[in-house]
N, C-alpha and C. Protein backbone atom coordinates (compact mmCIF):
# COMPACT_ATOMS: atom_id res chain seq x y z
N UNK A 1 113.98 100.98 89.65
CA UNK A 1 112.85 101.60 90.31
C UNK A 1 112.00 100.51 90.95
N UNK A 2 111.96 100.54 92.27
CA UNK A 2 111.14 99.59 93.00
C UNK A 2 110.12 100.28 93.90
N UNK A 3 110.46 101.50 94.34
CA UNK A 3 109.55 102.29 95.17
C UNK A 3 109.48 103.69 94.58
N UNK A 4 108.37 103.97 93.92
CA UNK A 4 108.22 105.18 93.12
C UNK A 4 107.08 106.03 93.69
N UNK A 5 107.33 107.32 93.84
CA UNK A 5 106.30 108.28 94.24
C UNK A 5 106.06 109.22 93.06
N UNK A 6 104.80 109.43 92.71
CA UNK A 6 104.44 110.37 91.65
C UNK A 6 103.61 111.48 92.28
N UNK A 7 104.11 112.72 92.16
CA UNK A 7 103.44 113.88 92.76
C UNK A 7 103.22 114.95 91.71
N UNK A 8 102.33 115.89 92.02
CA UNK A 8 102.04 117.01 91.12
C UNK A 8 100.64 117.53 91.37
N UNK A 9 100.28 118.50 90.60
CA UNK A 9 98.96 119.14 90.70
C UNK A 9 97.85 118.16 90.35
N UNK A 10 96.63 118.40 90.86
CA UNK A 10 95.50 117.64 90.33
C UNK A 10 95.43 117.85 88.82
N UNK A 11 95.19 116.80 88.07
CA UNK A 11 95.10 116.91 86.62
C UNK A 11 96.44 116.83 85.89
N UNK A 12 97.53 116.64 86.63
CA UNK A 12 98.86 116.60 86.00
C UNK A 12 99.12 115.28 85.28
N UNK A 13 98.36 114.23 85.60
CA UNK A 13 98.54 112.94 84.95
C UNK A 13 99.19 111.90 85.84
N UNK A 14 99.13 112.11 87.16
CA UNK A 14 99.75 111.17 88.11
C UNK A 14 99.15 109.78 88.00
N UNK A 15 97.82 109.69 88.02
CA UNK A 15 97.14 108.40 87.96
C UNK A 15 97.40 107.71 86.64
N UNK A 16 97.38 108.46 85.57
CA UNK A 16 97.60 107.89 84.24
C UNK A 16 99.00 107.30 84.14
N UNK A 17 100.00 108.05 84.58
CA UNK A 17 101.37 107.54 84.53
C UNK A 17 101.53 106.32 85.43
N UNK A 18 100.96 106.36 86.62
CA UNK A 18 101.05 105.23 87.55
C UNK A 18 100.41 103.98 86.95
N UNK A 19 99.25 104.14 86.31
CA UNK A 19 98.56 103.00 85.69
C UNK A 19 99.37 102.41 84.54
N UNK A 20 100.14 103.23 83.84
CA UNK A 20 100.98 102.72 82.75
C UNK A 20 102.25 102.06 83.30
N UNK A 21 102.86 102.70 84.30
CA UNK A 21 104.12 102.19 84.85
C UNK A 21 103.94 100.89 85.62
N UNK A 22 102.86 100.79 86.38
CA UNK A 22 102.64 99.63 87.24
C UNK A 22 102.77 98.30 86.52
N UNK A 23 101.95 98.05 85.50
CA UNK A 23 102.04 96.77 84.79
C UNK A 23 103.38 96.58 84.07
N UNK A 24 103.92 97.67 83.52
CA UNK A 24 105.18 97.56 82.80
C UNK A 24 106.32 97.15 83.73
N UNK A 25 106.35 97.72 84.94
CA UNK A 25 107.39 97.37 85.92
C UNK A 25 106.99 96.19 86.80
N UNK A 26 105.74 95.74 86.64
CA UNK A 26 105.18 94.66 87.47
C UNK A 26 105.20 95.05 88.95
N UNK A 27 104.70 96.27 89.21
CA UNK A 27 104.66 96.82 90.57
C UNK A 27 103.23 97.26 90.88
N UNK A 28 102.79 96.99 92.09
CA UNK A 28 101.46 97.39 92.55
C UNK A 28 101.36 98.92 92.63
N UNK A 29 100.23 99.47 92.15
CA UNK A 29 99.99 100.91 92.19
C UNK A 29 99.03 101.23 93.33
N UNK A 30 99.41 102.21 94.14
CA UNK A 30 98.59 102.69 95.25
C UNK A 30 98.16 104.13 94.97
N UNK A 31 96.86 104.36 94.93
CA UNK A 31 96.31 105.69 94.71
C UNK A 31 95.93 106.27 96.07
N UNK A 32 96.60 107.35 96.48
CA UNK A 32 96.33 107.90 97.81
C UNK A 32 94.89 108.36 97.97
N UNK A 33 94.29 108.91 96.92
CA UNK A 33 92.88 109.31 97.04
C UNK A 33 92.01 108.11 97.43
N UNK A 34 92.29 106.98 96.85
CA UNK A 34 91.51 105.77 97.15
C UNK A 34 91.75 105.28 98.57
N UNK A 35 93.00 105.41 99.04
CA UNK A 35 93.35 104.95 100.39
C UNK A 35 92.91 105.92 101.49
N UNK A 36 92.87 107.21 101.18
CA UNK A 36 92.66 108.23 102.21
C UNK A 36 91.23 108.72 102.37
N UNK A 37 90.33 108.28 101.50
CA UNK A 37 88.94 108.73 101.57
C UNK A 37 88.01 107.52 101.64
N UNK A 38 86.84 107.75 102.21
CA UNK A 38 85.81 106.73 102.30
C UNK A 38 84.67 107.08 101.35
N UNK A 39 83.72 106.19 101.24
CA UNK A 39 82.55 106.41 100.40
C UNK A 39 81.91 107.77 100.74
N UNK A 40 81.50 108.48 99.71
CA UNK A 40 80.90 109.80 99.92
C UNK A 40 81.93 110.88 100.15
N UNK A 41 83.17 110.62 99.82
CA UNK A 41 84.29 111.55 99.99
C UNK A 41 84.45 111.99 101.44
N UNK A 42 84.25 111.05 102.35
CA UNK A 42 84.47 111.34 103.77
C UNK A 42 85.95 111.08 104.06
N UNK A 43 86.64 112.10 104.54
CA UNK A 43 88.08 112.00 104.77
C UNK A 43 88.40 111.12 105.97
N UNK A 44 89.40 110.27 105.82
CA UNK A 44 89.92 109.51 106.95
C UNK A 44 90.80 110.45 107.76
N UNK A 45 90.94 110.17 109.05
CA UNK A 45 91.72 111.05 109.91
C UNK A 45 93.20 111.04 109.51
N UNK A 46 93.90 112.05 109.91
CA UNK A 46 95.34 112.14 109.63
C UNK A 46 96.07 110.93 110.21
N UNK A 47 95.70 110.53 111.42
CA UNK A 47 96.34 109.38 112.07
C UNK A 47 96.10 108.10 111.27
N UNK A 48 94.87 107.93 110.78
CA UNK A 48 94.54 106.75 109.97
C UNK A 48 95.35 106.76 108.68
N UNK A 49 95.46 107.93 108.05
CA UNK A 49 96.24 108.04 106.82
C UNK A 49 97.70 107.67 107.07
N UNK A 50 98.25 108.14 108.17
CA UNK A 50 99.65 107.83 108.50
C UNK A 50 99.81 106.33 108.74
N UNK A 51 98.86 105.73 109.46
CA UNK A 51 98.90 104.28 109.69
C UNK A 51 98.87 103.50 108.37
N UNK A 52 98.00 103.93 107.45
CA UNK A 52 97.89 103.27 106.15
C UNK A 52 99.22 103.36 105.41
N UNK A 53 99.79 104.57 105.39
CA UNK A 53 101.06 104.76 104.68
C UNK A 53 102.19 103.96 105.31
N UNK A 54 102.25 103.95 106.64
CA UNK A 54 103.32 103.21 107.31
C UNK A 54 103.29 101.73 106.93
N UNK A 55 102.11 101.16 106.84
CA UNK A 55 102.00 99.75 106.45
C UNK A 55 102.40 99.55 104.99
N UNK A 56 101.95 100.44 104.13
CA UNK A 56 102.18 100.26 102.69
C UNK A 56 103.64 100.48 102.30
N UNK A 57 104.32 101.44 102.92
CA UNK A 57 105.72 101.70 102.53
C UNK A 57 106.65 100.58 102.95
N UNK A 58 106.18 99.69 103.83
CA UNK A 58 107.00 98.55 104.24
C UNK A 58 107.01 97.45 103.19
N UNK A 59 106.08 97.51 102.24
CA UNK A 59 106.03 96.51 101.17
C UNK A 59 107.31 96.60 100.34
N UNK A 60 107.63 95.51 99.67
CA UNK A 60 108.88 95.38 98.92
C UNK A 60 108.98 96.38 97.77
N UNK A 61 107.88 96.57 97.06
CA UNK A 61 107.88 97.53 95.96
C UNK A 61 106.48 98.10 95.75
N UNK A 62 106.42 99.31 95.22
CA UNK A 62 105.16 99.98 95.00
C UNK A 62 105.35 101.24 94.17
N UNK A 63 104.24 101.70 93.62
CA UNK A 63 104.15 103.03 93.02
C UNK A 63 103.04 103.72 93.78
N UNK A 64 103.36 104.84 94.41
CA UNK A 64 102.36 105.62 95.15
C UNK A 64 102.14 106.91 94.39
N UNK A 65 100.88 107.14 93.99
CA UNK A 65 100.58 108.40 93.31
C UNK A 65 99.62 109.22 94.16
N UNK A 66 99.93 110.49 94.25
CA UNK A 66 99.14 111.42 95.05
C UNK A 66 100.08 112.33 95.81
N UNK A 67 99.71 113.57 95.96
CA UNK A 67 100.66 114.53 96.52
C UNK A 67 100.61 114.57 98.05
N UNK A 68 99.54 115.01 98.66
CA UNK A 68 99.38 114.99 100.11
C UNK A 68 100.68 115.37 100.84
N UNK A 69 101.18 116.55 100.58
CA UNK A 69 102.48 116.96 101.11
C UNK A 69 102.53 117.03 102.64
N UNK A 70 101.40 117.25 103.28
CA UNK A 70 101.40 117.36 104.74
C UNK A 70 101.75 116.04 105.43
N UNK A 71 101.68 114.92 104.71
CA UNK A 71 102.11 113.64 105.30
C UNK A 71 103.01 112.87 104.33
N UNK A 72 103.64 113.58 103.41
CA UNK A 72 104.41 112.92 102.35
C UNK A 72 105.75 112.37 102.82
N UNK A 73 106.21 112.76 103.99
CA UNK A 73 107.53 112.34 104.45
C UNK A 73 107.69 110.82 104.47
N UNK A 74 106.65 110.11 104.86
CA UNK A 74 106.72 108.65 104.95
C UNK A 74 107.06 107.99 103.62
N UNK A 75 106.30 108.31 102.59
CA UNK A 75 106.56 107.65 101.32
C UNK A 75 107.72 108.27 100.55
N UNK A 76 107.98 109.55 100.74
CA UNK A 76 109.15 110.15 100.09
C UNK A 76 110.44 109.59 100.68
N UNK A 77 110.48 109.38 101.99
CA UNK A 77 111.67 108.78 102.62
C UNK A 77 111.91 107.36 102.12
N UNK A 78 110.84 106.60 101.94
CA UNK A 78 110.97 105.20 101.54
C UNK A 78 111.22 105.02 100.04
N UNK A 79 110.93 106.03 99.24
CA UNK A 79 111.03 105.92 97.78
C UNK A 79 112.48 105.88 97.32
N UNK A 80 112.70 105.21 96.19
CA UNK A 80 114.00 105.32 95.53
C UNK A 80 113.91 106.28 94.35
N UNK A 81 112.68 106.53 93.86
CA UNK A 81 112.46 107.42 92.73
C UNK A 81 111.26 108.32 93.02
N UNK A 82 111.42 109.62 92.77
CA UNK A 82 110.33 110.58 92.92
C UNK A 82 110.12 111.25 91.57
N UNK A 83 108.89 111.17 91.07
CA UNK A 83 108.55 111.79 89.79
C UNK A 83 107.62 112.97 90.09
N UNK A 84 108.06 114.17 89.73
CA UNK A 84 107.27 115.39 89.92
C UNK A 84 106.73 115.80 88.56
N UNK A 85 105.41 115.66 88.38
CA UNK A 85 104.77 116.10 87.14
C UNK A 85 104.44 117.58 87.30
N UNK A 86 105.28 118.41 86.72
CA UNK A 86 105.19 119.87 86.85
C UNK A 86 104.58 120.46 85.58
N UNK A 87 103.28 120.21 85.42
CA UNK A 87 102.57 120.57 84.20
C UNK A 87 101.89 121.92 84.35
N UNK A 88 101.68 122.59 83.23
CA UNK A 88 101.02 123.90 83.20
C UNK A 88 99.65 123.83 83.89
N UNK A 89 99.34 124.84 84.73
CA UNK A 89 98.04 124.81 85.42
C UNK A 89 96.84 124.84 84.47
N UNK A 90 96.94 125.55 83.37
CA UNK A 90 95.82 125.58 82.42
C UNK A 90 95.62 124.21 81.78
N UNK A 91 96.71 123.53 81.49
CA UNK A 91 96.61 122.19 80.92
C UNK A 91 96.02 121.23 81.96
N UNK A 92 96.45 121.35 83.21
CA UNK A 92 95.89 120.51 84.28
C UNK A 92 94.38 120.75 84.42
N UNK A 93 93.97 122.01 84.36
CA UNK A 93 92.55 122.33 84.46
C UNK A 93 91.78 121.71 83.30
N UNK A 94 92.32 121.82 82.10
CA UNK A 94 91.68 121.23 80.92
C UNK A 94 91.52 119.73 81.12
N UNK A 95 92.57 119.06 81.62
CA UNK A 95 92.51 117.61 81.84
C UNK A 95 91.49 117.26 82.91
N UNK A 96 91.39 118.08 83.97
CA UNK A 96 90.41 117.85 85.03
C UNK A 96 88.99 117.92 84.47
N UNK A 97 88.72 118.93 83.66
CA UNK A 97 87.40 119.11 83.06
C UNK A 97 87.10 117.95 82.12
N UNK A 98 88.08 117.58 81.30
CA UNK A 98 87.91 116.46 80.36
C UNK A 98 87.62 115.16 81.12
N UNK A 99 88.38 114.91 82.18
CA UNK A 99 88.18 113.69 82.97
C UNK A 99 86.80 113.70 83.63
N UNK A 100 86.38 114.87 84.12
CA UNK A 100 85.07 114.97 84.76
C UNK A 100 83.95 114.63 83.77
N UNK A 101 84.08 115.14 82.56
CA UNK A 101 83.06 114.83 81.54
C UNK A 101 83.03 113.34 81.22
N UNK A 102 84.23 112.75 81.14
CA UNK A 102 84.32 111.33 80.80
C UNK A 102 83.78 110.43 81.90
N UNK A 103 84.02 110.79 83.16
CA UNK A 103 83.66 109.92 84.28
C UNK A 103 82.48 110.44 85.11
N UNK A 104 81.76 111.40 84.60
CA UNK A 104 80.64 111.95 85.35
C UNK A 104 79.71 110.84 85.81
N UNK A 105 79.44 110.83 87.10
CA UNK A 105 78.56 109.85 87.76
C UNK A 105 79.07 108.42 87.67
N UNK A 106 80.37 108.26 87.39
CA UNK A 106 80.97 106.92 87.35
C UNK A 106 82.20 106.92 88.24
N UNK A 107 82.50 105.77 88.78
CA UNK A 107 83.68 105.63 89.63
C UNK A 107 84.91 105.37 88.78
N UNK A 108 86.08 105.55 89.39
CA UNK A 108 87.37 105.26 88.74
C UNK A 108 88.20 104.45 89.72
N UNK A 109 89.24 103.80 89.21
CA UNK A 109 90.12 102.99 90.06
C UNK A 109 90.91 103.82 91.06
N UNK A 110 91.14 105.10 90.76
CA UNK A 110 92.01 105.91 91.60
C UNK A 110 91.26 106.72 92.65
N UNK A 111 89.95 106.56 92.73
CA UNK A 111 89.18 107.26 93.76
C UNK A 111 88.46 106.21 94.62
N UNK A 112 87.97 106.60 95.80
CA UNK A 112 87.34 105.62 96.70
C UNK A 112 86.15 104.90 96.07
N UNK A 113 85.97 103.66 96.49
CA UNK A 113 84.81 102.90 96.02
C UNK A 113 83.55 103.65 96.43
N UNK A 114 82.59 103.67 95.52
CA UNK A 114 81.34 104.33 95.81
C UNK A 114 81.36 105.84 95.61
N UNK A 115 82.49 106.39 95.16
CA UNK A 115 82.59 107.83 94.91
C UNK A 115 82.63 108.08 93.40
N UNK A 116 82.20 109.27 93.03
CA UNK A 116 82.31 109.68 91.64
C UNK A 116 83.18 110.93 91.57
N UNK A 117 83.63 111.23 90.37
CA UNK A 117 84.51 112.38 90.15
C UNK A 117 83.83 113.67 90.61
N UNK A 118 84.59 114.51 91.29
CA UNK A 118 84.06 115.80 91.76
C UNK A 118 84.82 116.93 91.09
N UNK A 119 84.08 117.85 90.52
CA UNK A 119 84.69 119.05 89.94
C UNK A 119 83.99 120.25 90.57
N UNK A 120 84.70 120.88 91.49
CA UNK A 120 84.14 122.03 92.20
C UNK A 120 84.95 123.27 91.87
N UNK A 121 84.38 124.42 92.17
CA UNK A 121 85.09 125.68 91.97
C UNK A 121 86.38 125.69 92.79
N UNK A 122 86.32 125.18 94.02
CA UNK A 122 87.51 125.12 94.88
C UNK A 122 88.61 124.29 94.23
N UNK A 123 88.24 123.15 93.68
CA UNK A 123 89.22 122.26 93.03
C UNK A 123 89.85 122.95 91.81
N UNK A 124 89.04 123.65 91.03
CA UNK A 124 89.56 124.35 89.85
C UNK A 124 90.52 125.46 90.27
N UNK A 125 90.15 126.20 91.32
CA UNK A 125 91.03 127.26 91.82
C UNK A 125 92.33 126.69 92.38
N UNK A 126 92.23 125.53 93.03
CA UNK A 126 93.42 124.87 93.56
C UNK A 126 94.40 124.54 92.45
N UNK A 127 93.88 124.08 91.32
CA UNK A 127 94.72 123.76 90.17
C UNK A 127 95.36 125.03 89.61
N UNK A 128 94.57 126.08 89.45
CA UNK A 128 95.09 127.32 88.86
C UNK A 128 96.10 128.02 89.76
N UNK A 129 95.95 127.87 91.07
CA UNK A 129 96.90 128.52 91.99
C UNK A 129 98.02 127.58 92.42
N UNK A 130 98.05 126.37 91.88
CA UNK A 130 99.06 125.40 92.27
C UNK A 130 100.49 125.94 92.17
N UNK A 131 100.84 126.68 91.11
CA UNK A 131 102.22 127.20 91.04
C UNK A 131 102.58 128.12 92.21
N UNK A 132 101.61 128.81 92.78
CA UNK A 132 101.89 129.74 93.87
C UNK A 132 102.12 129.04 95.20
N UNK A 133 101.48 127.88 95.38
CA UNK A 133 101.58 127.20 96.68
C UNK A 133 102.16 125.79 96.53
N UNK A 134 101.46 124.95 95.80
CA UNK A 134 101.85 123.54 95.69
C UNK A 134 103.22 123.34 95.06
N UNK A 135 103.45 123.96 93.89
CA UNK A 135 104.73 123.78 93.20
C UNK A 135 105.88 124.26 94.08
N UNK A 136 105.70 125.41 94.69
CA UNK A 136 106.74 125.97 95.56
C UNK A 136 107.05 125.03 96.71
N UNK A 137 105.99 124.49 97.32
CA UNK A 137 106.19 123.58 98.45
C UNK A 137 106.86 122.27 98.01
N UNK A 138 106.46 121.74 96.84
CA UNK A 138 107.08 120.52 96.33
C UNK A 138 108.56 120.75 96.07
N UNK A 139 108.88 121.85 95.38
CA UNK A 139 110.28 122.13 95.07
C UNK A 139 111.11 122.25 96.34
N UNK A 140 110.56 122.91 97.35
CA UNK A 140 111.26 123.05 98.63
C UNK A 140 111.42 121.69 99.31
N UNK A 141 110.37 120.90 99.30
CA UNK A 141 110.41 119.57 99.92
C UNK A 141 111.44 118.67 99.23
N UNK A 142 111.50 118.72 97.92
CA UNK A 142 112.40 117.85 97.17
C UNK A 142 113.88 118.17 97.43
N UNK A 143 114.17 119.35 97.91
CA UNK A 143 115.56 119.69 98.27
C UNK A 143 116.08 118.77 99.37
N UNK A 144 115.17 118.23 100.18
CA UNK A 144 115.56 117.32 101.27
C UNK A 144 115.83 115.90 100.80
N UNK A 145 115.60 115.63 99.51
CA UNK A 145 115.72 114.26 99.01
C UNK A 145 116.70 114.17 97.84
N UNK A 146 117.77 114.92 97.90
CA UNK A 146 118.70 114.96 96.78
C UNK A 146 119.48 113.66 96.59
N UNK A 147 119.39 112.73 97.54
CA UNK A 147 120.07 111.44 97.38
C UNK A 147 119.22 110.46 96.56
N UNK A 148 118.00 110.83 96.26
CA UNK A 148 117.09 109.96 95.50
C UNK A 148 117.09 110.38 94.03
N UNK A 149 116.61 109.47 93.20
CA UNK A 149 116.43 109.82 91.79
C UNK A 149 115.16 110.67 91.71
N UNK A 150 115.32 111.94 91.32
CA UNK A 150 114.17 112.84 91.20
C UNK A 150 114.04 113.25 89.74
N UNK A 151 112.86 113.02 89.21
CA UNK A 151 112.58 113.37 87.81
C UNK A 151 111.50 114.44 87.80
N UNK A 152 111.76 115.53 87.11
CA UNK A 152 110.77 116.60 86.98
C UNK A 152 110.36 116.64 85.52
N UNK A 153 109.12 116.22 85.26
CA UNK A 153 108.61 116.13 83.90
C UNK A 153 107.59 117.25 83.71
N UNK A 154 107.80 118.07 82.67
CA UNK A 154 107.01 119.29 82.51
C UNK A 154 105.95 119.24 81.41
N UNK A 155 105.91 118.14 80.66
CA UNK A 155 104.95 118.07 79.55
C UNK A 155 104.61 116.62 79.25
N UNK A 156 103.55 116.44 78.47
CA UNK A 156 103.18 115.09 78.04
C UNK A 156 104.32 114.47 77.23
N UNK A 157 105.00 115.29 76.44
CA UNK A 157 106.11 114.77 75.63
C UNK A 157 107.21 114.21 76.53
N UNK A 158 107.57 114.94 77.58
CA UNK A 158 108.59 114.44 78.51
C UNK A 158 108.13 113.17 79.22
N UNK A 159 106.85 113.10 79.57
CA UNK A 159 106.31 111.90 80.21
C UNK A 159 106.38 110.72 79.24
N UNK A 160 105.99 110.96 77.99
CA UNK A 160 106.05 109.89 76.98
C UNK A 160 107.48 109.42 76.76
N UNK A 161 108.43 110.36 76.70
CA UNK A 161 109.84 109.99 76.52
C UNK A 161 110.35 109.19 77.72
N UNK A 162 109.97 109.61 78.91
CA UNK A 162 110.36 108.87 80.12
C UNK A 162 109.80 107.45 80.08
N UNK A 163 108.51 107.33 79.75
CA UNK A 163 107.89 106.01 79.72
C UNK A 163 108.54 105.13 78.65
N UNK A 164 108.80 105.71 77.47
CA UNK A 164 109.44 104.95 76.40
C UNK A 164 110.81 104.44 76.85
N UNK A 165 111.54 105.26 77.60
CA UNK A 165 112.85 104.84 78.11
C UNK A 165 112.71 103.69 79.11
N UNK A 166 111.67 103.74 79.93
CA UNK A 166 111.45 102.65 80.89
C UNK A 166 111.11 101.35 80.17
N UNK A 167 110.31 101.45 79.11
CA UNK A 167 109.97 100.27 78.31
C UNK A 167 111.24 99.71 77.68
N UNK A 168 112.07 100.61 77.12
CA UNK A 168 113.32 100.17 76.50
C UNK A 168 114.24 99.50 77.52
N UNK A 169 114.36 100.10 78.70
CA UNK A 169 115.20 99.52 79.76
C UNK A 169 114.69 98.14 80.17
N UNK A 170 113.37 98.01 80.29
CA UNK A 170 112.79 96.72 80.67
C UNK A 170 113.04 95.68 79.58
N UNK A 171 112.91 96.08 78.31
CA UNK A 171 113.17 95.17 77.20
C UNK A 171 114.64 94.75 77.18
N UNK A 172 115.53 95.72 77.38
CA UNK A 172 116.97 95.42 77.41
C UNK A 172 117.30 94.43 78.52
N UNK A 173 116.70 94.65 79.68
CA UNK A 173 116.94 93.77 80.83
C UNK A 173 116.45 92.35 80.53
N UNK A 174 115.24 92.27 79.94
CA UNK A 174 114.68 90.96 79.58
C UNK A 174 115.56 90.26 78.55
N UNK A 175 116.00 90.99 77.53
CA UNK A 175 116.82 90.42 76.47
C UNK A 175 118.19 89.99 76.98
N UNK A 176 118.77 90.76 77.90
CA UNK A 176 120.09 90.40 78.41
C UNK A 176 120.03 89.13 79.26
N UNK A 177 118.90 88.88 79.89
CA UNK A 177 118.78 87.66 80.69
C UNK A 177 118.70 86.43 79.79
N UNK A 178 118.27 86.60 78.53
CA UNK A 178 118.25 85.49 77.58
C UNK A 178 119.62 85.29 76.93
N UNK A 179 120.35 86.35 76.75
CA UNK A 179 121.64 86.30 76.06
C UNK A 179 122.71 85.65 76.94
N UNK A 180 122.73 86.00 78.20
CA UNK A 180 123.79 85.52 79.09
C UNK A 180 123.84 83.99 79.18
N UNK A 181 122.73 83.28 79.40
CA UNK A 181 122.83 81.82 79.45
C UNK A 181 123.35 81.23 78.13
N UNK A 182 122.91 81.78 76.99
CA UNK A 182 123.37 81.27 75.70
C UNK A 182 124.86 81.51 75.54
N UNK A 183 125.34 82.68 75.94
CA UNK A 183 126.77 82.99 75.84
C UNK A 183 127.58 82.05 76.73
N UNK A 184 127.06 81.76 77.90
CA UNK A 184 127.76 80.85 78.83
C UNK A 184 127.83 79.45 78.22
N UNK A 185 126.73 79.00 77.60
CA UNK A 185 126.70 77.69 76.97
C UNK A 185 127.72 77.62 75.83
N UNK A 186 127.79 78.68 75.02
CA UNK A 186 128.76 78.73 73.93
C UNK A 186 130.19 78.68 74.46
N UNK A 187 130.42 79.37 75.55
CA UNK A 187 131.76 79.37 76.15
C UNK A 187 132.14 77.96 76.60
N UNK A 188 131.21 77.28 77.25
CA UNK A 188 131.48 75.93 77.74
C UNK A 188 131.73 74.96 76.59
N UNK A 189 130.97 75.10 75.50
CA UNK A 189 131.15 74.22 74.33
C UNK A 189 132.50 74.48 73.67
N UNK A 190 132.84 75.78 73.48
CA UNK A 190 134.08 76.10 72.77
C UNK A 190 135.33 75.74 73.59
N UNK A 191 135.25 75.72 74.89
CA UNK A 191 136.40 75.37 75.71
C UNK A 191 136.42 73.89 76.07
N UNK A 192 135.41 73.16 75.65
CA UNK A 192 135.35 71.73 75.91
C UNK A 192 135.03 71.38 77.35
N UNK A 193 134.43 72.29 78.10
CA UNK A 193 134.09 72.01 79.50
C UNK A 193 132.70 71.44 79.63
């Protein structure tokens, strides 16, 4: 995994997973909310957003979290792995409310500088109706990317298992790089070379 996209409903845990995966894989994390909005939650134009994405997807590796399906083609095309967090809408709403309480009047790394968490009726309704619109659109969109590794994680348990597997894979890779030189040295000693 060198170019990873994480998509899903607001409150599904995209930012949390990206923040955990980034350091573990040693890959830069890009939060679309932070890139696509200005101070005071002023939206950047569609053209500006596309320009930003075009520059960022050219980088060697990245994790991009955020759904933005109306312009998702750029990063979905460039990705080697797509993670769809398909979490229950009620659970997403609970997480949104919990996060709002925790970060009320404070900024976060995944939102624009100078902005604070917003919890509006519209945002809550968007989360609750996500299965009717967002999930359907994501599932339809993902049909176009069947050549990529697509992971659909439906619960915190599945996310934890996925992350644990990535940690294990990274550890195995690190350990095998130490074993190979030692094995080569043993081979050279035993054959007298």
